[in-house]
Protein backbone atom coordinates (compact mmCIF):
# COMPACT_ATOMS: atom_id res chain seq x y z
CA MET A 1 3.62 -34.51 -13.15
CA ARG A 2 0.65 -32.87 -11.71
CA PRO A 3 -2.20 -31.16 -12.55
CA GLU A 4 -1.10 -27.94 -10.60
CA HIS A 5 2.54 -27.61 -12.44
CA THR A 6 1.55 -26.83 -16.44
CA ALA A 7 2.81 -24.83 -18.30
CA HIS A 8 -0.33 -22.60 -17.67
CA ASP A 9 0.22 -22.71 -14.24
CA PRO A 10 0.80 -18.74 -13.33
CA ARG A 11 3.09 -20.64 -10.57
CA GLN A 12 5.35 -20.91 -13.49
CA ARG A 13 6.75 -17.64 -13.98
CA PHE A 14 8.50 -17.79 -10.20
CA ARG A 15 10.85 -20.67 -10.80
CA ARG A 16 13.19 -19.13 -12.07
CA LEU A 17 15.04 -15.70 -11.08
CA PRO A 18 14.65 -13.26 -14.71
CA GLU A 19 17.83 -12.47 -16.37
CA PRO A 20 20.46 -9.81 -14.48
CA VAL A 21 20.18 -6.57 -15.72
CA ARG A 22 23.50 -4.97 -17.04
CA VAL A 23 25.30 -1.93 -16.31
CA GLU A 24 24.93 -0.47 -19.87
CA ASP A 25 21.26 -1.17 -19.23
CA THR A 26 20.33 1.67 -16.00
CA VAL A 27 19.69 5.15 -15.75
CA GLU A 28 21.95 6.89 -14.39
CA SER A 29 19.73 9.67 -11.82
CA HIS A 30 20.35 13.28 -10.49
CA ASP A 31 19.25 15.23 -7.83
CA PRO A 32 15.46 17.29 -8.25
CA LEU A 33 14.75 20.74 -8.43
CA PRO A 34 15.19 22.03 -5.19
CA ALA A 35 12.08 22.87 -3.64
CA PRO A 36 10.22 25.70 -3.75
CA ASP A 37 9.38 28.42 -0.55
CA PRO A 38 7.33 27.54 1.70
CA THR A 39 6.25 31.33 2.60
CA MET A 40 6.88 32.02 -1.34
CA GLY A 41 8.54 35.22 -0.70
CA ARG A 42 6.33 36.11 1.37
CA ASP A 43 7.44 37.91 4.98
CA THR A 44 5.00 35.87 7.11
CA GLU A 45 6.85 37.54 10.30
CA THR A 46 5.55 41.19 9.76
CA GLU A 47 2.34 39.98 7.99
CA PHE A 48 1.87 38.62 11.50
CA LEU A 49 2.18 41.92 13.88
CA LEU A 50 0.33 43.53 11.25
CA ARG A 51 -2.64 41.59 11.48
CA THR A 52 -2.88 40.74 15.40
CA ALA A 53 -1.44 44.40 15.98
CA GLY A 54 -4.66 46.22 15.46
């Protein structure tokens, strides 16, 4: 056996595939909360008109 293939060789962990994950061990996902309103409830068109009409 060559010295680079000893038991302490870090490449040894890549020589075999990991055990497959069982379906029972997986996590069910869910939709996140709806995104917040980017205008935060304000009427930006009216605010723009009031700022620039003066």
